[in-house]
Amino acid sequence: MPSRALDGQPGFAAEPVSGYPGGQPVLLSQAFELATQETGLGVRELAQELA
């Protein structure tokens, strides 16, 4: 059962998650760019290596 100790405290009100669109996934694309630059491998070869 969740604790209710923070109920009513400023900054701890329940909010719907629909108000937060989420982060933009940039780390995966940056990791792919770095891997292709460092190894010269393409998508297919990297996928085989990471299988």
PDB file of N, CA and C in Angstrom:
ATOM      1  N   MET A   1       0.850  -1.177   0.000  1.00  0.00           N
ATOM      2  CA  MET A   1       0.000   0.000   0.000  1.00  0.00           C
ATOM      3  C   MET A   1       0.897   1.242   0.000  1.00  0.00           C
ATOM      4  N   PRO A   2       0.657   2.207  -0.896  1.00  0.00           N
ATOM      5  CA  PRO A   2       1.505   3.395  -0.961  1.00  0.00           C
ATOM      6  C   PRO A   2       1.319   4.283   0.265  1.00  0.00           C
ATOM      7  N   SER A   3       2.378   4.953   0.640  1.00  0.00           N
ATOM      8  CA  SER A   3       2.326   5.883   1.761  1.00  0.00           C
ATOM      9  C   SER A   3       1.572   7.134   1.345  1.00  0.00           C
ATOM     10  N   ARG A   4       0.832   7.688   2.235  1.00  0.00           N
ATOM     11  CA  ARG A   4       0.072   8.913   1.963  1.00  0.00           C
ATOM     12  C   ARG A   4       0.650  10.085   2.753  1.00  0.00           C
ATOM     13  N   ALA A   5       1.887   9.989   3.222  1.00  0.00           N
ATOM     14  CA  ALA A   5       2.494  11.023   4.052  1.00  0.00           C
ATOM     15  C   ALA A   5       2.636  12.356   3.327  1.00  0.00           C
ATOM     16  N   LEU A   6       2.737  12.340   2.002  1.00  0.00           N
ATOM     17  CA  LEU A   6       2.943  13.581   1.259  1.00  0.00           C
ATOM     18  C   LEU A   6       1.649  14.153   0.679  1.00  0.00           C
ATOM     19  N   ASP A   7       0.525  13.493   0.912  1.00  0.00           N
ATOM     20  CA  ASP A   7      -0.747  14.010   0.415  1.00  0.00           C
ATOM     21  C   ASP A   7      -0.976  15.424   0.940  1.00  0.00           C
ATOM     22  N   GLY A   8      -1.364  16.312   0.057  1.00  0.00           N
ATOM     23  CA  GLY A   8      -1.671  17.682   0.456  1.00  0.00           C
ATOM     24  C   GLY A   8      -0.469  18.603   0.536  1.00  0.00           C
ATOM     25  N   GLN A   9       0.726  18.067   0.401  1.00  0.00           N
ATOM     26  CA  GLN A   9       1.926  18.891   0.465  1.00  0.00           C
ATOM     27  C   GLN A   9       2.164  19.568  -0.884  1.00  0.00           C
ATOM     28  N   PRO A  10       2.692  20.807  -0.884  1.00  0.00           N
ATOM     29  CA  PRO A  10       2.962  21.491  -2.159  1.00  0.00           C
ATOM     30  C   PRO A  10       3.924  20.688  -3.036  1.00  0.00           C
ATOM     31  N   GLY A  11       3.607  20.587  -4.327  1.00  0.00           N
ATOM     32  CA  GLY A  11       4.468  19.873  -5.259  1.00  0.00           C
ATOM     33  C   GLY A  11       4.232  18.378  -5.321  1.00  0.00           C
ATOM     34  N   PHE A  12       3.309  17.863  -4.542  1.00  0.00           N
ATOM     35  CA  PHE A  12       3.075  16.425  -4.507  1.00  0.00           C
ATOM     36  C   PHE A  12       1.641  16.051  -4.856  1.00  0.00           C
ATOM     37  N   ALA A  13       0.951  16.937  -5.565  1.00  0.00           N
ATOM     38  CA  ALA A  13      -0.420  16.642  -5.973  1.00  0.00           C
ATOM     39  C   ALA A  13      -0.398  15.639  -7.126  1.00  0.00           C
ATOM     40  N   ALA A  14      -1.409  14.792  -7.163  1.00  0.00           N
ATOM     41  CA  ALA A  14      -1.511  13.823  -8.256  1.00  0.00           C
ATOM     42  C   ALA A  14      -1.757  14.569  -9.560  1.00  0.00           C
ATOM     43  N   GLU A  15      -1.014  14.214 -10.611  1.00  0.00           N
ATOM     44  CA  GLU A  15      -1.164  14.830 -11.921  1.00  0.00           C
ATOM     45  C   GLU A  15      -1.242  13.731 -12.970  1.00  0.00           C
ATOM     46  N   PRO A  16      -2.066  13.931 -13.992  1.00  0.00           N
ATOM     47  CA  PRO A  16      -2.154  12.908 -15.042  1.00  0.00           C
ATOM     48  C   PRO A  16      -0.871  12.865 -15.873  1.00  0.00           C
ATOM     49  N   VAL A  17      -0.442  11.675 -16.242  1.00  0.00           N
ATOM     50  CA  VAL A  17       0.770  11.537 -17.043  1.00  0.00           C
ATOM     51  C   VAL A  17       0.578  12.042 -18.461  1.00  0.00           C
ATOM     52  N   SER A  18      -0.666  12.208 -18.887  1.00  0.00           N
ATOM     53  CA  SER A  18      -0.918  12.711 -20.239  1.00  0.00           C
ATOM     54  C   SER A  18      -0.395  14.138 -20.424  1.00  0.00           C
ATOM     55  N   GLY A  19      -0.143  14.852 -19.335  1.00  0.00           N
ATOM     56  CA  GLY A  19       0.385  16.205 -19.416  1.00  0.00           C
ATOM     57  C   GLY A  19       1.883  16.249 -19.665  1.00  0.00           C
ATOM     58  N   TYR A  20       2.529  15.099 -19.692  1.00  0.00           N
ATOM     59  CA  TYR A  20       3.972  15.028 -19.894  1.00  0.00           C
ATOM     60  C   TYR A  20       4.260  14.191 -21.140  1.00  0.00           C
ATOM     61  N   PRO A  21       4.678  14.835 -22.222  1.00  0.00           N
ATOM     62  CA  PRO A  21       4.867  14.090 -23.468  1.00  0.00           C
ATOM     63  C   PRO A  21       6.039  13.116 -23.439  1.00  0.00           C
ATOM     64  N   GLY A  22       6.931  13.238 -22.488  1.00  0.00           N
ATOM     65  CA  GLY A  22       8.082  12.337 -22.418  1.00  0.00           C
ATOM     66  C   GLY A  22       9.303  12.937 -23.072  1.00  0.00           C
ATOM     67  N   GLY A  23      10.414  12.293 -22.879  1.00  0.00           N
ATOM     68  CA  GLY A  23      11.666  12.778 -23.443  1.00  0.00           C
ATOM     69  C   GLY A  23      11.837  12.358 -24.888  1.00  0.00           C
ATOM     70  N   GLN A  24      12.725  13.021 -25.546  1.00  0.00           N
ATOM     71  CA  GLN A  24      13.038  12.675 -26.924  1.00  0.00           C
ATOM     72  C   GLN A  24      14.234  11.722 -26.911  1.00  0.00           C
ATOM     73  N   PRO A  25      14.127  10.562 -27.555  1.00  0.00           N
ATOM     74  CA  PRO A  25      15.208   9.574 -27.529  1.00  0.00           C
ATOM     75  C   PRO A  25      16.375   9.995 -28.435  1.00  0.00           C
ATOM     76  N   VAL A  26      17.346  10.692 -27.860  1.00  0.00           N
ATOM     77  CA  VAL A  26      18.480  11.153 -28.653  1.00  0.00           C
ATOM     78  C   VAL A  26      19.733  10.324 -28.414  1.00  0.00           C
ATOM     79  N   LEU A  27      19.823   9.664 -27.265  1.00  0.00           N
ATOM     80  CA  LEU A  27      21.047   8.928 -26.954  1.00  0.00           C
ATOM     81  C   LEU A  27      21.276   7.755 -27.891  1.00  0.00           C
ATOM     82  N   LEU A  28      20.207   7.060 -28.281  1.00  0.00           N
ATOM     83  CA  LEU A  28      20.367   5.917 -29.176  1.00  0.00           C
ATOM     84  C   LEU A  28      20.911   6.365 -30.530  1.00  0.00           C
ATOM     85  N   SER A  29      20.373   7.448 -31.067  1.00  0.00           N
ATOM     86  CA  SER A  29      20.869   7.922 -32.365  1.00  0.00           C
ATOM     87  C   SER A  29      22.305   8.414 -32.257  1.00  0.00           C
ATOM     88  N   GLN A  30      22.649   9.056 -31.126  1.00  0.00           N
ATOM     89  CA  GLN A  30      24.032   9.498 -30.928  1.00  0.00           C
ATOM     90  C   GLN A  30      24.973   8.299 -30.808  1.00  0.00           C
ATOM     91  N   ALA A  31      24.536   7.255 -30.122  1.00  0.00           N
ATOM     92  CA  ALA A  31      25.355   6.050 -29.978  1.00  0.00           C
ATOM     93  C   ALA A  31      25.556   5.383 -31.338  1.00  0.00           C
ATOM     94  N   PHE A  32      24.510   5.347 -32.148  1.00  0.00           N
ATOM     95  CA  PHE A  32      24.624   4.751 -33.477  1.00  0.00           C
ATOM     96  C   PHE A  32      25.599   5.546 -34.339  1.00  0.00           C
ATOM     97  N   GLU A  33      25.478   6.882 -34.321  1.00  0.00           N
ATOM     98  CA  GLU A  33      26.396   7.712 -35.104  1.00  0.00           C
ATOM     99  C   GLU A  33      27.841   7.489 -34.684  1.00  0.00           C
ATOM    100  N   LEU A  34      28.090   7.438 -33.384  1.00  0.00           N
ATOM    101  CA  LEU A  34      29.442   7.210 -32.885  1.00  0.00           C
ATOM    102  C   LEU A  34      29.948   5.835 -33.313  1.00  0.00           C
ATOM    103  N   ALA A  35      29.094   4.815 -33.207  1.00  0.00           N
ATOM    104  CA  ALA A  35      29.508   3.462 -33.586  1.00  0.00           C
ATOM    105  C   ALA A  35      29.837   3.380 -35.071  1.00  0.00           C
ATOM    106  N   THR A  36      29.039   4.017 -35.904  1.00  0.00           N
ATOM    107  CA  THR A  36      29.316   3.957 -37.341  1.00  0.00           C
ATOM    108  C   THR A  36      30.581   4.731 -37.688  1.00  0.00           C
ATOM    109  N   GLN A  37      30.811   5.839 -37.009  1.00  0.00           N
ATOM    110  CA  GLN A  37      32.026   6.616 -37.258  1.00  0.00           C
ATOM    111  C   GLN A  37      33.277   5.863 -36.807  1.00  0.00           C
ATOM    112  N   GLU A  38      33.187   5.229 -35.650  1.00  0.00           N
ATOM    113  CA  GLU A  38      34.349   4.550 -35.073  1.00  0.00           C
ATOM    114  C   GLU A  38      34.657   3.223 -35.763  1.00  0.00           C
ATOM    115  N   THR A  39      33.623   2.527 -36.237  1.00  0.00           N
ATOM    116  CA  THR A  39      33.840   1.190 -36.789  1.00  0.00           C
ATOM    117  C   THR A  39      33.674   1.114 -38.297  1.00  0.00           C
ATOM    118  N   GLY A  40      32.924   2.067 -38.863  1.00  0.00           N
ATOM    119  CA  GLY A  40      32.641   2.021 -40.287  1.00  0.00           C
ATOM    120  C   GLY A  40      31.571   1.019 -40.648  1.00  0.00           C
ATOM    121  N   LEU A  41      30.938   0.405 -39.646  1.00  0.00           N
ATOM    122  CA  LEU A  41      29.893  -0.576 -39.888  1.00  0.00           C
ATOM    123  C   LEU A  41      28.558   0.122 -40.130  1.00  0.00           C
ATOM    124  N   GLY A  42      27.688  -0.531 -40.890  1.00  0.00           N
ATOM    125  CA  GLY A  42      26.349  -0.015 -41.138  1.00  0.00           C
ATOM    126  C   GLY A  42      25.339  -0.633 -40.198  1.00  0.00           C
ATOM    127  N   VAL A  43      24.076  -0.339 -40.436  1.00  0.00           N
ATOM    128  CA  VAL A  43      22.999  -0.830 -39.577  1.00  0.00           C
ATOM    129  C   VAL A  43      22.997  -2.351 -39.498  1.00  0.00           C
ATOM    130  N   ARG A  44      23.059  -3.014 -40.630  1.00  0.00           N
ATOM    131  CA  ARG A  44      22.988  -4.479 -40.656  1.00  0.00           C
ATOM    132  C   ARG A  44      24.165  -5.092 -39.876  1.00  0.00           C
ATOM    133  N   GLU A  45      25.367  -4.585 -40.108  1.00  0.00           N
ATOM    134  CA  GLU A  45      26.552  -5.148 -39.431  1.00  0.00           C
ATOM    135  C   GLU A  45      26.507  -4.879 -37.924  1.00  0.00           C
ATOM    136  N   LEU A  46      26.097  -3.682 -37.548  1.00  0.00           N
ATOM    137  CA  LEU A  46      25.988  -3.382 -36.107  1.00  0.00           C
ATOM    138  C   LEU A  46      24.933  -4.261 -35.454  1.00  0.00           C
ATOM    139  N   ALA A  47      23.812  -4.490 -36.137  1.00  0.00           N
ATOM    140  CA  ALA A  47      22.758  -5.351 -35.592  1.00  0.00           C
ATOM    141  C   ALA A  47      23.282  -6.772 -35.383  1.00  0.00           C
ATOM    142  N   GLN A  48      24.074  -7.265 -36.330  1.00  0.00           N
ATOM    143  CA  GLN A  48      24.638  -8.607 -36.186  1.00  0.00           C
ATOM    144  C   GLN A  48      25.610  -8.658 -35.009  1.00  0.00           C
ATOM    145  N   GLU A  49      26.413  -7.609 -34.842  1.00  0.00           N
ATOM    146  CA  GLU A  49      27.362  -7.564 -33.727  1.00  0.00           C
ATOM    147  C   GLU A  49      26.646  -7.504 -32.377  1.00  0.00           C
ATOM    148  N   LEU A  50      25.513  -6.792 -32.333  1.00  0.00           N
ATOM    149  CA  LEU A  50      24.795  -6.611 -31.068  1.00  0.00           C
ATOM    150  C   LEU A  50      23.769  -7.695 -30.790  1.00  0.00           C
ATOM    151  N   ALA A  51      23.594  -8.611 -31.746  1.00  0.00           N
ATOM    152  CA  ALA A  51      22.571  -9.643 -31.596  1.00  0.00           C
ATOM    153  C   ALA A  51      22.703 -10.320 -30.252  1.00  0.00           C
TER     154      ALA A  51
END
